[in-house]
Amino acid sequence: RFTISRDNAKNTVYLQMNNLKPEDTAVYYCRSDYMARRYWGQGT
């Protein structure tokens, strides 16, 4: 149902969500991981 992808030229990662269900309801957070350093977005 979901597909993650990235566009490195745009510094952007995507999450395409299809056939959504009520149990998908949540705050969704983006996270980066590089050389053991992890950062989080504020959520949507």
PDB file of all heavy atoms in Angstrom:
ATOM      1  N   ARG A   1       0.808  -1.211   0.000  1.00  0.00           N
ATOM      2  CA  ARG A   1       0.000   0.000   0.000  1.00  0.00           C
ATOM      3  C   ARG A   1       0.851   1.275   0.000  1.00  0.00           C
ATOM      4  O   ARG A   1       0.453   2.270  -0.606  1.00  0.00           O
ATOM      5  CB  ARG A   1      -0.928   0.028   1.215  1.00  0.00           C
ATOM      6  CG  ARG A   1      -1.911  -1.127   1.259  1.00  0.00           C
ATOM      7  CD  ARG A   1      -2.942  -0.930   2.366  1.00  0.00           C
ATOM      8  NE  ARG A   1      -2.332  -0.918   3.697  1.00  0.00           N
ATOM      9  CZ  ARG A   1      -2.393   0.113   4.538  1.00  0.00           C
ATOM     10  NH1 ARG A   1      -3.043   1.215   4.203  1.00  0.00           N
ATOM     11  NH2 ARG A   1      -1.817   0.038   5.739  1.00  0.00           N
ATOM     12  N   PHE A   2       1.978   1.238   0.690  1.00  0.00           N
ATOM     13  CA  PHE A   2       2.842   2.409   0.813  1.00  0.00           C
ATOM     14  C   PHE A   2       4.104   2.211  -0.006  1.00  0.00           C
ATOM     15  O   PHE A   2       4.610   1.088  -0.146  1.00  0.00           O
ATOM     16  CB  PHE A   2       3.253   2.635   2.266  1.00  0.00           C
ATOM     17  CG  PHE A   2       2.148   3.088   3.184  1.00  0.00           C
ATOM     18  CD1 PHE A   2       0.819   3.070   2.797  1.00  0.00           C
ATOM     19  CD2 PHE A   2       2.464   3.541   4.460  1.00  0.00           C
ATOM     20  CE1 PHE A   2      -0.189   3.484   3.653  1.00  0.00           C
ATOM     21  CE2 PHE A   2       1.465   3.960   5.320  1.00  0.00           C
ATOM     22  CZ  PHE A   2       0.147   3.932   4.928  1.00  0.00           C
ATOM     23  N   THR A   3       4.644   3.303  -0.512  1.00  0.00           N
ATOM     24  CA  THR A   3       5.892   3.278  -1.248  1.00  0.00           C
ATOM     25  C   THR A   3       6.773   4.435  -0.801  1.00  0.00           C
ATOM     26  O   THR A   3       6.340   5.591  -0.836  1.00  0.00           O
ATOM     27  CB  THR A   3       5.672   3.378  -2.766  1.00  0.00           C
ATOM     28  OG1 THR A   3       4.830   2.309  -3.210  1.00  0.00           O
ATOM     29  CG2 THR A   3       7.006   3.297  -3.501  1.00  0.00           C
ATOM     30  N   ILE A   4       7.985   4.122  -0.379  1.00  0.00           N
ATOM     31  CA  ILE A   4       8.942   5.156  -0.016  1.00  0.00           C
ATOM     32  C   ILE A   4       9.884   5.374  -1.198  1.00  0.00           C
ATOM     33  O   ILE A   4      10.278   4.429  -1.880  1.00  0.00           O
ATOM     34  CB  ILE A   4       9.723   4.789   1.261  1.00  0.00           C
ATOM     35  CG1 ILE A   4      10.580   5.962   1.737  1.00  0.00           C
ATOM     36  CG2 ILE A   4      10.569   3.533   1.065  1.00  0.00           C
ATOM     37  CD1 ILE A   4      11.191   5.752   3.118  1.00  0.00           C
ATOM     38  N   SER A   5      10.225   6.623  -1.436  1.00  0.00           N
ATOM     39  CA  SER A   5      11.134   6.956  -2.518  1.00  0.00           C
ATOM     40  C   SER A   5      11.901   8.208  -2.144  1.00  0.00           C
ATOM     41  O   SER A   5      11.572   8.889  -1.169  1.00  0.00           O
ATOM     42  CB  SER A   5      10.376   7.161  -3.842  1.00  0.00           C
ATOM     43  OG  SER A   5       9.465   8.240  -3.742  1.00  0.00           O
ATOM     44  N   ARG A   6      12.923   8.512  -2.914  1.00  0.00           N
ATOM     45  CA  ARG A   6      13.718   9.702  -2.639  1.00  0.00           C
ATOM     46  C   ARG A   6      14.152  10.356  -3.931  1.00  0.00           C
ATOM     47  O   ARG A   6      14.326   9.699  -4.962  1.00  0.00           O
ATOM     48  CB  ARG A   6      14.934   9.357  -1.768  1.00  0.00           C
ATOM     49  CG  ARG A   6      15.964   8.466  -2.449  1.00  0.00           C
ATOM     50  CD  ARG A   6      16.958   7.889  -1.441  1.00  0.00           C
ATOM     51  NE  ARG A   6      17.695   8.929  -0.736  1.00  0.00           N
ATOM     52  CZ  ARG A   6      18.311   8.758   0.426  1.00  0.00           C
ATOM     53  NH1 ARG A   6      18.249   7.576   1.045  1.00  0.00           N
ATOM     54  NH2 ARG A   6      18.971   9.759   0.987  1.00  0.00           N
ATOM     55  N   ASP A   7      14.330  11.656  -3.862  1.00  0.00           N
ATOM     56  CA  ASP A   7      14.865  12.441  -4.957  1.00  0.00           C
ATOM     57  C   ASP A   7      16.054  13.193  -4.388  1.00  0.00           C
ATOM     58  O   ASP A   7      15.901  14.230  -3.745  1.00  0.00           O
ATOM     59  CB  ASP A   7      13.815  13.398  -5.512  1.00  0.00           C
ATOM     60  CG  ASP A   7      14.280  14.115  -6.761  1.00  0.00           C
ATOM     61  OD1 ASP A   7      15.504  14.237  -6.975  1.00  0.00           O
ATOM     62  OD2 ASP A   7      13.419  14.562  -7.541  1.00  0.00           O
ATOM     63  N   ASN A   8      17.236  12.653  -4.618  1.00  0.00           N
ATOM     64  CA  ASN A   8      18.431  13.239  -4.026  1.00  0.00           C
ATOM     65  C   ASN A   8      18.721  14.645  -4.550  1.00  0.00           C
ATOM     66  O   ASN A   8      19.294  15.464  -3.836  1.00  0.00           O
ATOM     67  CB  ASN A   8      19.632  12.333  -4.258  1.00  0.00           C
ATOM     68  CG  ASN A   8      19.545  11.038  -3.478  1.00  0.00           C
ATOM     69  OD1 ASN A   8      18.888  10.972  -2.437  1.00  0.00           O
ATOM     70  ND2 ASN A   8      20.200   9.996  -3.974  1.00  0.00           N
ATOM     71  N   ALA A   9      18.349  14.913  -5.785  1.00  0.00           N
ATOM     72  CA  ALA A   9      18.556  16.242  -6.344  1.00  0.00           C
ATOM     73  C   ALA A   9      17.732  17.292  -5.625  1.00  0.00           C
ATOM     74  O   ALA A   9      18.087  18.471  -5.620  1.00  0.00           O
ATOM     75  CB  ALA A   9      18.242  16.253  -7.839  1.00  0.00           C
ATOM     76  N   LYS A  10      16.618  16.878  -5.026  1.00  0.00           N
ATOM     77  CA  LYS A  10      15.744  17.794  -4.304  1.00  0.00           C
ATOM     78  C   LYS A  10      15.874  17.667  -2.793  1.00  0.00           C
ATOM     79  O   LYS A  10      15.137  18.325  -2.058  1.00  0.00           O
ATOM     80  CB  LYS A  10      14.287  17.560  -4.698  1.00  0.00           C
ATOM     81  CG  LYS A  10      13.988  17.849  -6.158  1.00  0.00           C
ATOM     82  CD  LYS A  10      12.520  17.620  -6.466  1.00  0.00           C
ATOM     83  CE  LYS A  10      12.196  17.936  -7.911  1.00  0.00           C
ATOM     84  NZ  LYS A  10      10.767  17.699  -8.227  1.00  0.00           N
ATOM     85  N   ASN A  11      16.785  16.825  -2.324  1.00  0.00           N
ATOM     86  CA  ASN A  11      16.944  16.587  -0.889  1.00  0.00           C
ATOM     87  C   ASN A  11      15.617  16.228  -0.231  1.00  0.00           C
ATOM     88  O   ASN A  11      15.281  16.720   0.853  1.00  0.00           O
ATOM     89  CB  ASN A  11      17.545  17.810  -0.197  1.00  0.00           C
ATOM     90  CG  ASN A  11      19.059  17.847  -0.265  1.00  0.00           C
ATOM     91  OD1 ASN A  11      19.671  17.297  -1.177  1.00  0.00           O
ATOM     92  ND2 ASN A  11      19.679  18.501   0.709  1.00  0.00           N
ATOM     93  N   THR A  12      14.870  15.347  -0.878  1.00  0.00           N
ATOM     94  CA  THR A  12      13.523  15.048  -0.416  1.00  0.00           C
ATOM     95  C   THR A  12      13.248  13.549  -0.442  1.00  0.00           C
ATOM     96  O   THR A  12      13.653  12.850  -1.376  1.00  0.00           O
ATOM     97  CB  THR A  12      12.472  15.771  -1.279  1.00  0.00           C
ATOM     98  OG1 THR A  12      12.711  17.180  -1.233  1.00  0.00           O
ATOM     99  CG2 THR A  12      11.071  15.498  -0.775  1.00  0.00           C
ATOM    100  N   VAL A  13      12.558  13.084   0.590  1.00  0.00           N
ATOM    101  CA  VAL A  13      12.072  11.717   0.639  1.00  0.00           C
ATOM    102  C   VAL A  13      10.549  11.763   0.678  1.00  0.00           C
ATOM    103  O   VAL A  13       9.964  12.671   1.277  1.00  0.00           O
ATOM    104  CB  VAL A  13      12.658  10.944   1.843  1.00  0.00           C
ATOM    105  CG1 VAL A  13      12.225  11.573   3.165  1.00  0.00           C
ATOM    106  CG2 VAL A  13      12.265   9.476   1.793  1.00  0.00           C
ATOM    107  N   TYR A  14       9.919  10.791   0.037  1.00  0.00           N
ATOM    108  CA  TYR A  14       8.469  10.760  -0.081  1.00  0.00           C
ATOM    109  C   TYR A  14       7.909   9.475   0.500  1.00  0.00           C
ATOM    110  O   TYR A  14       8.574   8.445   0.552  1.00  0.00           O
ATOM    111  CB  TYR A  14       8.032  10.851  -1.546  1.00  0.00           C
ATOM    112  CG  TYR A  14       8.562  12.041  -2.288  1.00  0.00           C
ATOM    113  CD1 TYR A  14       9.733  11.959  -3.037  1.00  0.00           C
ATOM    114  CD2 TYR A  14       7.885  13.260  -2.250  1.00  0.00           C
ATOM    115  CE1 TYR A  14      10.222  13.055  -3.725  1.00  0.00           C
ATOM    116  CE2 TYR A  14       8.372  14.359  -2.935  1.00  0.00           C
ATOM    117  CZ  TYR A  14       9.536  14.250  -3.668  1.00  0.00           C
ATOM    118  OH  TYR A  14      10.018  15.343  -4.348  1.00  0.00           O
ATOM    119  N   LEU A  15       6.664   9.550   0.899  1.00  0.00           N
ATOM    120  CA  LEU A  15       5.914   8.360   1.269  1.00  0.00           C
ATOM    121  C   LEU A  15       4.562   8.436   0.576  1.00  0.00           C
ATOM    122  O   LEU A  15       3.708   9.238   0.958  1.00  0.00           O
ATOM    123  CB  LEU A  15       5.728   8.251   2.783  1.00  0.00           C
ATOM    124  CG  LEU A  15       5.043   6.970   3.261  1.00  0.00           C
ATOM    125  CD1 LEU A  15       5.931   5.751   2.999  1.00  0.00           C
ATOM    126  CD2 LEU A  15       4.689   7.053   4.749  1.00  0.00           C
ATOM    127  N   GLN A  16       4.397   7.619  -0.453  1.00  0.00           N
ATOM    128  CA  GLN A  16       3.124   7.517  -1.143  1.00  0.00           C
ATOM    129  C   GLN A  16       2.266   6.502  -0.420  1.00  0.00           C
ATOM    130  O   GLN A  16       2.654   5.344  -0.290  1.00  0.00           O
ATOM    131  CB  GLN A  16       3.323   7.103  -2.601  1.00  0.00           C
ATOM    132  CG  GLN A  16       2.037   6.932  -3.389  1.00  0.00           C
ATOM    133  CD  GLN A  16       1.298   8.228  -3.585  1.00  0.00           C
ATOM    134  OE1 GLN A  16       1.905   9.233  -3.950  1.00  0.00           O
ATOM    135  NE2 GLN A  16      -0.004   8.224  -3.336  1.00  0.00           N
ATOM    136  N   MET A  17       1.108   6.922   0.046  1.00  0.00           N
ATOM    137  CA  MET A  17       0.225   6.077   0.827  1.00  0.00           C
ATOM    138  C   MET A  17      -1.070   5.881   0.056  1.00  0.00           C
ATOM    139  O   MET A  17      -1.799   6.840  -0.192  1.00  0.00           O
ATOM    140  CB  MET A  17      -0.052   6.691   2.196  1.00  0.00           C
ATOM    141  CG  MET A  17       1.208   6.989   3.000  1.00  0.00           C
ATOM    142  SD  MET A  17       0.850   7.613   4.664  1.00  0.00           S
ATOM    143  CE  MET A  17       0.125   9.206   4.247  1.00  0.00           C
ATOM    144  N   ASN A  18      -1.347   4.643  -0.315  1.00  0.00           N
ATOM    145  CA  ASN A  18      -2.555   4.297  -1.040  1.00  0.00           C
ATOM    146  C   ASN A  18      -3.428   3.374  -0.204  1.00  0.00           C
ATOM    147  O   ASN A  18      -2.953   2.711   0.714  1.00  0.00           O
ATOM    148  CB  ASN A  18      -2.215   3.615  -2.367  1.00  0.00           C
ATOM    149  CG  ASN A  18      -1.442   4.500  -3.309  1.00  0.00           C
ATOM    150  OD1 ASN A  18      -1.627   5.711  -3.343  1.00  0.00           O
ATOM    151  ND2 ASN A  18      -0.554   3.889  -4.101  1.00  0.00           N
ATOM    152  N   ASN A  19      -4.701   3.319  -0.562  1.00  0.00           N
ATOM    153  CA  ASN A  19      -5.654   2.469   0.144  1.00  0.00           C
ATOM    154  C   ASN A  19      -5.546   2.647   1.653  1.00  0.00           C
ATOM    155  O   ASN A  19      -5.418   1.686   2.414  1.00  0.00           O
ATOM    156  CB  ASN A  19      -5.440   1.001  -0.240  1.00  0.00           C
ATOM    157  CG  ASN A  19      -6.561   0.102   0.233  1.00  0.00           C
ATOM    158  OD1 ASN A  19      -7.689   0.548   0.443  1.00  0.00           O
ATOM    159  ND2 ASN A  19      -6.251  -1.183   0.416  1.00  0.00           N
ATOM    160  N   LEU A  20      -5.624   3.879   2.075  1.00  0.00           N
ATOM    161  CA  LEU A  20      -5.466   4.190   3.494  1.00  0.00           C
ATOM    162  C   LEU A  20      -6.595   3.608   4.334  1.00  0.00           C
ATOM    163  O   LEU A  20      -7.744   3.538   3.899  1.00  0.00           O
ATOM    164  CB  LEU A  20      -5.381   5.696   3.688  1.00  0.00           C
ATOM    165  CG  LEU A  20      -4.024   6.295   3.308  1.00  0.00           C
ATOM    166  CD1 LEU A  20      -4.150   7.789   3.057  1.00  0.00           C
ATOM    167  CD2 LEU A  20      -3.007   6.011   4.402  1.00  0.00           C
ATOM    168  N   LYS A  21      -6.232   3.202   5.540  1.00  0.00           N
ATOM    169  CA  LYS A  21      -7.155   2.604   6.482  1.00  0.00           C
ATOM    170  C   LYS A  21      -7.199   3.431   7.757  1.00  0.00           C
ATOM    171  O   LYS A  21      -6.241   4.137   8.069  1.00  0.00           O
ATOM    172  CB  LYS A  21      -6.718   1.170   6.817  1.00  0.00           C
ATOM    173  CG  LYS A  21      -6.577   0.258   5.609  1.00  0.00           C
ATOM    174  CD  LYS A  21      -6.043  -1.108   6.013  1.00  0.00           C
ATOM    175  CE  LYS A  21      -5.912  -2.021   4.811  1.00  0.00           C
ATOM    176  NZ  LYS A  21      -5.383  -3.354   5.197  1.00  0.00           N
ATOM    177  N   PRO A  22      -8.289   3.346   8.512  1.00  0.00           N
ATOM    178  CA  PRO A  22      -8.361   4.106   9.764  1.00  0.00           C
ATOM    179  C   PRO A  22      -7.192   3.837  10.702  1.00  0.00           C
ATOM    180  O   PRO A  22      -6.750   4.753  11.405  1.00  0.00           O
ATOM    181  CB  PRO A  22      -9.685   3.644  10.381  1.00  0.00           C
ATOM    182  CG  PRO A  22     -10.522   3.296   9.197  1.00  0.00           C
ATOM    183  CD  PRO A  22      -9.565   2.678   8.209  1.00  0.00           C
ATOM    184  N   GLU A  23      -6.674   2.619  10.707  1.00  0.00           N
ATOM    185  CA  GLU A  23      -5.554   2.290  11.571  1.00  0.00           C
ATOM    186  C   GLU A  23      -4.244   2.934  11.140  1.00  0.00           C
ATOM    187  O   GLU A  23      -3.240   2.842  11.853  1.00  0.00           O
ATOM    188  CB  GLU A  23      -5.375   0.769  11.692  1.00  0.00           C
ATOM    189  CG  GLU A  23      -5.312   0.047  10.357  1.00  0.00           C
ATOM    190  CD  GLU A  23      -6.653  -0.536   9.951  1.00  0.00           C
ATOM    191  OE1 GLU A  23      -7.680   0.146  10.103  1.00  0.00           O
ATOM    192  OE2 GLU A  23      -6.665  -1.700   9.482  1.00  0.00           O
ATOM    193  N   ASP A  24      -4.225   3.581   9.981  1.00  0.00           N
ATOM    194  CA  ASP A  24      -3.060   4.345   9.554  1.00  0.00           C
ATOM    195  C   ASP A  24      -3.015   5.726  10.201  1.00  0.00           C
ATOM    196  O   ASP A  24      -2.024   6.445  10.047  1.00  0.00           O
ATOM    197  CB  ASP A  24      -3.046   4.511   8.031  1.00  0.00           C
ATOM    198  CG  ASP A  24      -2.888   3.192   7.298  1.00  0.00           C
ATOM    199  OD1 ASP A  24      -2.076   2.353   7.744  1.00  0.00           O
ATOM    200  OD2 ASP A  24      -3.562   3.007   6.268  1.00  0.00           O
ATOM    201  N   THR A  25      -4.069   6.102  10.891  1.00  0.00           N
ATOM    202  CA  THR A  25      -4.122   7.407  11.544  1.00  0.00           C
ATOM    203  C   THR A  25      -3.008   7.531  12.575  1.00  0.00           C
ATOM    204  O   THR A  25      -2.884   6.703  13.470  1.00  0.00           O
ATOM    205  CB  THR A  25      -5.479   7.623  12.215  1.00  0.00           C
ATOM    206  OG1 THR A  25      -6.504   7.654  11.216  1.00  0.00           O
ATOM    207  CG2 THR A  25      -5.503   8.931  12.987  1.00  0.00           C
ATOM    208  N   ALA A  26      -2.198   8.563  12.437  1.00  0.00           N
ATOM    209  CA  ALA A  26      -1.060   8.775  13.323  1.00  0.00           C
ATOM    210  C   ALA A  26      -0.361  10.067  12.927  1.00  0.00           C
ATOM    211  O   ALA A  26      -0.658  10.659  11.890  1.00  0.00           O
ATOM    212  CB  ALA A  26      -0.070   7.605  13.234  1.00  0.00           C
ATOM    213  N   VAL A  27       0.578  10.467  13.758  1.00  0.00           N
ATOM    214  CA  VAL A  27       1.517  11.502  13.368  1.00  0.00           C
ATOM    215  C   VAL A  27       2.689  10.811  12.694  1.00  0.00           C
ATOM    216  O   VAL A  27       3.270   9.877  13.254  1.00  0.00           O
ATOM    217  CB  VAL A  27       2.002  12.335  14.569  1.00  0.00           C
ATOM    218  CG1 VAL A  27       3.036  13.362  14.124  1.00  0.00           C
ATOM    219  CG2 VAL A  27       0.824  13.027  15.242  1.00  0.00           C
ATOM    220  N   TYR A  28       3.017  11.247  11.503  1.00  0.00           N
ATOM    221  CA  TYR A  28       4.094  10.646  10.732  1.00  0.00           C
ATOM    222  C   TYR A  28       5.335  11.513  10.817  1.00  0.00           C
ATOM    223  O   TYR A  28       5.279  12.727  10.605  1.00  0.00           O
ATOM    224  CB  TYR A  28       3.673  10.465   9.272  1.00  0.00           C
ATOM    225  CG  TYR A  28       2.735   9.295   9.084  1.00  0.00           C
ATOM    226  CD1 TYR A  28       1.429   9.346   9.557  1.00  0.00           C
ATOM    227  CD2 TYR A  28       3.161   8.132   8.443  1.00  0.00           C
ATOM    228  CE1 TYR A  28       0.573   8.270   9.414  1.00  0.00           C
ATOM    229  CE2 TYR A  28       2.311   7.058   8.284  1.00  0.00           C
ATOM    230  CZ  TYR A  28       1.019   7.128   8.771  1.00  0.00           C
ATOM    231  OH  TYR A  28       0.178   6.049   8.612  1.00  0.00           O
ATOM    232  N   TYR A  29       6.457  10.872  11.111  1.00  0.00           N
ATOM    233  CA  TYR A  29       7.724  11.554  11.304  1.00  0.00           C
ATOM    234  C   TYR A  29       8.757  11.085  10.298  1.00  0.00           C
ATOM    235  O   TYR A  29       8.854   9.898   9.995  1.00  0.00           O
ATOM    236  CB  TYR A  29       8.281  11.295  12.703  1.00  0.00           C
ATOM    237  CG  TYR A  29       7.418  11.794  13.831  1.00  0.00           C
ATOM    238  CD1 TYR A  29       6.448  10.987  14.400  1.00  0.00           C
ATOM    239  CD2 TYR A  29       7.588  13.082  14.335  1.00  0.00           C
ATOM    240  CE1 TYR A  29       5.659  11.437  15.445  1.00  0.00           C
ATOM    241  CE2 TYR A  29       6.809  13.541  15.384  1.00  0.00           C
ATOM    242  CZ  TYR A  29       5.847  12.715  15.935  1.00  0.00           C
ATOM    243  OH  TYR A  29       5.078  13.172  16.976  1.00  0.00           O
ATOM    244  N   CYS A  30       9.538  12.014   9.835  1.00  0.00           N
ATOM    245  CA  CYS A  30      10.672  11.735   8.971  1.00  0.00           C
ATOM    246  C   CYS A  30      11.935  11.651   9.824  1.00  0.00           C
ATOM    247  O   CYS A  30      12.107  12.430  10.767  1.00  0.00           O
ATOM    248  CB  CYS A  30      10.791  12.860   7.937  1.00  0.00           C
ATOM    249  SG  CYS A  30      12.173  12.714   6.787  1.00  0.00           S
ATOM    250  N   ARG A  31      12.813  10.715   9.502  1.00  0.00           N
ATOM    251  CA  ARG A  31      14.064  10.582  10.232  1.00  0.00           C
ATOM    252  C   ARG A  31      15.224  10.370   9.281  1.00  0.00           C
ATOM    253  O   ARG A  31      15.118   9.623   8.315  1.00  0.00           O
ATOM    254  CB  ARG A  31      14.005   9.412  11.217  1.00  0.00           C
ATOM    255  CG  ARG A  31      15.155   9.436  12.222  1.00  0.00           C
ATOM    256  CD  ARG A  31      15.312   8.121  12.957  1.00  0.00           C
ATOM    257  NE  ARG A  31      15.915   7.096  12.123  1.00  0.00           N
ATOM    258  CZ  ARG A  31      16.245   5.889  12.548  1.00  0.00           C
ATOM    259  NH1 ARG A  31      15.999   5.545  13.818  1.00  0.00           N
ATOM    260  NH2 ARG A  31      16.797   5.013  11.724  1.00  0.00           N
ATOM    261  N   SER A  32      16.334  11.018   9.578  1.00  0.00           N
ATOM    262  CA  SER A  32      17.567  10.808   8.846  1.00  0.00           C
ATOM    263  C   SER A  32      18.557  10.065   9.719  1.00  0.00           C
ATOM    264  O   SER A  32      18.524  10.159  10.946  1.00  0.00           O
ATOM    265  CB  SER A  32      18.168  12.139   8.383  1.00  0.00           C
ATOM    266  OG  SER A  32      18.558  12.932   9.488  1.00  0.00           O
ATOM    267  N   ASP A  33      19.433   9.332   9.080  1.00  0.00           N
ATOM    268  CA  ASP A  33      20.436   8.542   9.789  1.00  0.00           C
ATOM    269  C   ASP A  33      21.711   8.576   8.959  1.00  0.00           C
ATOM    270  O   ASP A  33      21.727   8.105   7.824  1.00  0.00           O
ATOM    271  CB  ASP A  33      19.944   7.107   9.975  1.00  0.00           C
ATOM    272  CG  ASP A  33      20.866   6.263  10.842  1.00  0.00           C
ATOM    273  OD1 ASP A  33      22.081   6.521  10.880  1.00  0.00           O
ATOM    274  OD2 ASP A  33      20.359   5.316  11.483  1.00  0.00           O
ATOM    275  N   TYR A  34      22.744   9.147   9.548  1.00  0.00           N
ATOM    276  CA  TYR A  34      24.016   9.215   8.860  1.00  0.00           C
ATOM    277  C   TYR A  34      25.135   9.157   9.881  1.00  0.00           C
ATOM    278  O   TYR A  34      25.201   9.978  10.786  1.00  0.00           O
ATOM    279  CB  TYR A  34      24.142  10.497   8.028  1.00  0.00           C
ATOM    280  CG  TYR A  34      25.492  10.655   7.367  1.00  0.00           C
ATOM    281  CD1 TYR A  34      25.897   9.788   6.361  1.00  0.00           C
ATOM    282  CD2 TYR A  34      26.357  11.672   7.747  1.00  0.00           C
ATOM    283  CE1 TYR A  34      27.143   9.919   5.755  1.00  0.00           C
ATOM    284  CE2 TYR A  34      27.596  11.813   7.144  1.00  0.00           C
ATOM    285  CZ  TYR A  34      27.986  10.933   6.156  1.00  0.00           C
ATOM    286  OH  TYR A  34      29.215  11.078   5.557  1.00  0.00           O
ATOM    287  N   MET A  35      25.992   8.169   9.727  1.00  0.00           N
ATOM    288  CA  MET A  35      27.159   8.018  10.582  1.00  0.00           C
ATOM    289  C   MET A  35      26.781   8.036  12.061  1.00  0.00           C
ATOM    290  O   MET A  35      27.403   8.720  12.875  1.00  0.00           O
ATOM    291  CB  MET A  35      28.184   9.102  10.275  1.00  0.00           C
ATOM    292  CG  MET A  35      28.707   9.059   8.847  1.00  0.00           C
ATOM    293  SD  MET A  35      29.610   7.534   8.491  1.00  0.00           S
ATOM    294  CE  MET A  35      31.110   7.822   9.432  1.00  0.00           C
ATOM    295  N   ALA A  36      25.736   7.310  12.402  1.00  0.00           N
ATOM    296  CA  ALA A  36      25.236   7.145  13.759  1.00  0.00           C
ATOM    297  C   ALA A  36      24.582   8.402  14.332  1.00  0.00           C
ATOM    298  O   ALA A  36      24.265   8.438  15.520  1.00  0.00           O
ATOM    299  CB  ALA A  36      26.333   6.659  14.697  1.00  0.00           C
ATOM    300  N   ARG A  37      24.374   9.403  13.502  1.00  0.00           N
ATOM    301  CA  ARG A  37      23.661  10.599  13.935  1.00  0.00           C
ATOM    302  C   ARG A  37      22.254  10.570  13.359  1.00  0.00           C
ATOM    303  O   ARG A  37      22.083  10.441  12.152  1.00  0.00           O
ATOM    304  CB  ARG A  37      24.380  11.867  13.501  1.00  0.00           C
ATOM    305  CG  ARG A  37      25.734  12.064  14.165  1.00  0.00           C
ATOM    306  CD  ARG A  37      26.319  13.412  13.829  1.00  0.00           C
ATOM    307  NE  ARG A  37      27.581  13.650  14.516  1.00  0.00           N
ATOM    308  CZ  ARG A  37      28.236  14.797  14.502  1.00  0.00           C
ATOM    309  NH1 ARG A  37      27.745  15.821  13.836  1.00  0.00           N
ATOM    310  NH2 ARG A  37      29.386  14.909  15.151  1.00  0.00           N
ATOM    311  N   ARG A  38      21.278  10.687  14.234  1.00  0.00           N
ATOM    312  CA  ARG A  38      19.890  10.601  13.834  1.00  0.00           C
ATOM    313  C   ARG A  38      19.134  11.869  14.190  1.00  0.00           C
ATOM    314  O   ARG A  38      19.300  12.417  15.277  1.00  0.00           O
ATOM    315  CB  ARG A  38      19.219   9.387  14.474  1.00  0.00           C
ATOM    316  CG  ARG A  38      19.873   8.069  14.067  1.00  0.00           C
ATOM    317  CD  ARG A  38      19.214   6.874  14.716  1.00  0.00           C
ATOM    318  NE  ARG A  38      19.785   5.621  14.231  1.00  0.00           N
ATOM    319  CZ  ARG A  38      20.812   5.000  14.807  1.00  0.00           C
ATOM    320  NH1 ARG A  38      21.375   5.493  15.897  1.00  0.00           N
ATOM    321  NH2 ARG A  38      21.272   3.869  14.292  1.00  0.00           N
ATOM    322  N   TYR A  39      18.304  12.306  13.266  1.00  0.00           N
ATOM    323  CA  TYR A  39      17.517  13.516  13.463  1.00  0.00           C
ATOM    324  C   TYR A  39      16.077  13.252  13.050  1.00  0.00           C
ATOM    325  O   TYR A  39      15.800  12.432  12.176  1.00  0.00           O
ATOM    326  CB  TYR A  39      18.084  14.683  12.648  1.00  0.00           C
ATOM    327  CG  TYR A  39      19.487  15.058  13.052  1.00  0.00           C
ATOM    328  CD1 TYR A  39      20.585  14.504  12.408  1.00  0.00           C
ATOM    329  CD2 TYR A  39      19.715  15.954  14.095  1.00  0.00           C
ATOM    330  CE1 TYR A  39      21.878  14.836  12.783  1.00  0.00           C
ATOM    331  CE2 TYR A  39      21.000  16.288  14.475  1.00  0.00           C
ATOM    332  CZ  TYR A  39      22.076  15.730  13.819  1.00  0.00           C
ATOM    333  OH  TYR A  39      23.357  16.061  14.198  1.00  0.00           O
ATOM    334  N   TRP A  40      15.175  13.983  13.681  1.00  0.00           N
ATOM    335  CA  TRP A  40      13.742  13.820  13.455  1.00  0.00           C
ATOM    336  C   TRP A  40      13.113  15.109  12.970  1.00  0.00           C
ATOM    337  O   TRP A  40      13.512  16.205  13.360  1.00  0.00           O
ATOM    338  CB  TRP A  40      13.030  13.407  14.741  1.00  0.00           C
ATOM    339  CG  TRP A  40      13.418  12.063  15.261  1.00  0.00           C
ATOM    340  CD1 TRP A  40      14.439  11.779  16.116  1.00  0.00           C
ATOM    341  CD2 TRP A  40      12.781  10.816  14.977  1.00  0.00           C
ATOM    342  NE1 TRP A  40      14.479  10.430  16.389  1.00  0.00           N
ATOM    343  CE2 TRP A  40      13.470   9.818  15.699  1.00  0.00           C
ATOM    344  CE3 TRP A  40      11.691  10.451  14.193  1.00  0.00           C
ATOM    345  CZ2 TRP A  40      13.105   8.474  15.656  1.00  0.00           C
ATOM    346  CZ3 TRP A  40      11.332   9.116  14.145  1.00  0.00           C
ATOM    347  CH2 TRP A  40      12.026   8.144  14.873  1.00  0.00           C
ATOM    348  N   GLY A  41      12.107  14.959  12.129  1.00  0.00           N
ATOM    349  CA  GLY A  41      11.270  16.088  11.773  1.00  0.00           C
ATOM    350  C   GLY A  41      10.228  16.324  12.851  1.00  0.00           C
ATOM    351  O   GLY A  41      10.151  15.596  13.843  1.00  0.00           O
ATOM    352  N   GLN A  42       9.410  17.341  12.661  1.00  0.00           N
ATOM    353  CA  GLN A  42       8.417  17.713  13.670  1.00  0.00           C
ATOM    354  C   GLN A  42       7.138  16.897  13.574  1.00  0.00           C
ATOM    355  O   GLN A  42       6.331  16.903  14.504  1.00  0.00           O
ATOM    356  CB  GLN A  42       8.092  19.207  13.559  1.00  0.00           C
ATOM    357  CG  GLN A  42       7.047  19.573  12.506  1.00  0.00           C
ATOM    358  CD  GLN A  42       7.541  19.437  11.077  1.00  0.00           C
ATOM    359  OE1 GLN A  42       8.737  19.331  10.821  1.00  0.00           O
ATOM    360  NE2 GLN A  42       6.610  19.447  10.127  1.00  0.00           N
ATOM    361  N   GLY A  43       6.952  16.201  12.478  1.00  0.00           N
ATOM    362  CA  GLY A  43       5.787  15.362  12.296  1.00  0.00           C
ATOM    363  C   GLY A  43       4.673  16.031  11.524  1.00  0.00           C
ATOM    364  O   GLY A  43       4.537  17.251  11.524  1.00  0.00           O
ATOM    365  N   THR A  44       3.865  15.210  10.866  1.00  0.00           N
ATOM    366  CA  THR A  44       2.688  15.692  10.163  1.00  0.00           C
ATOM    367  C   THR A  44       1.536  14.728  10.427  1.00  0.00           C
ATOM    368  O   THR A  44       1.704  13.508  10.395  1.00  0.00           O
ATOM    369  CB  THR A  44       2.958  15.848   8.647  1.00  0.00           C
ATOM    370  OG1 THR A  44       1.821  16.424   8.005  1.00  0.00           O
ATOM    371  CG2 THR A  44       3.285  14.512   7.990  1.00  0.00           C
TER     372      THR A  44
END
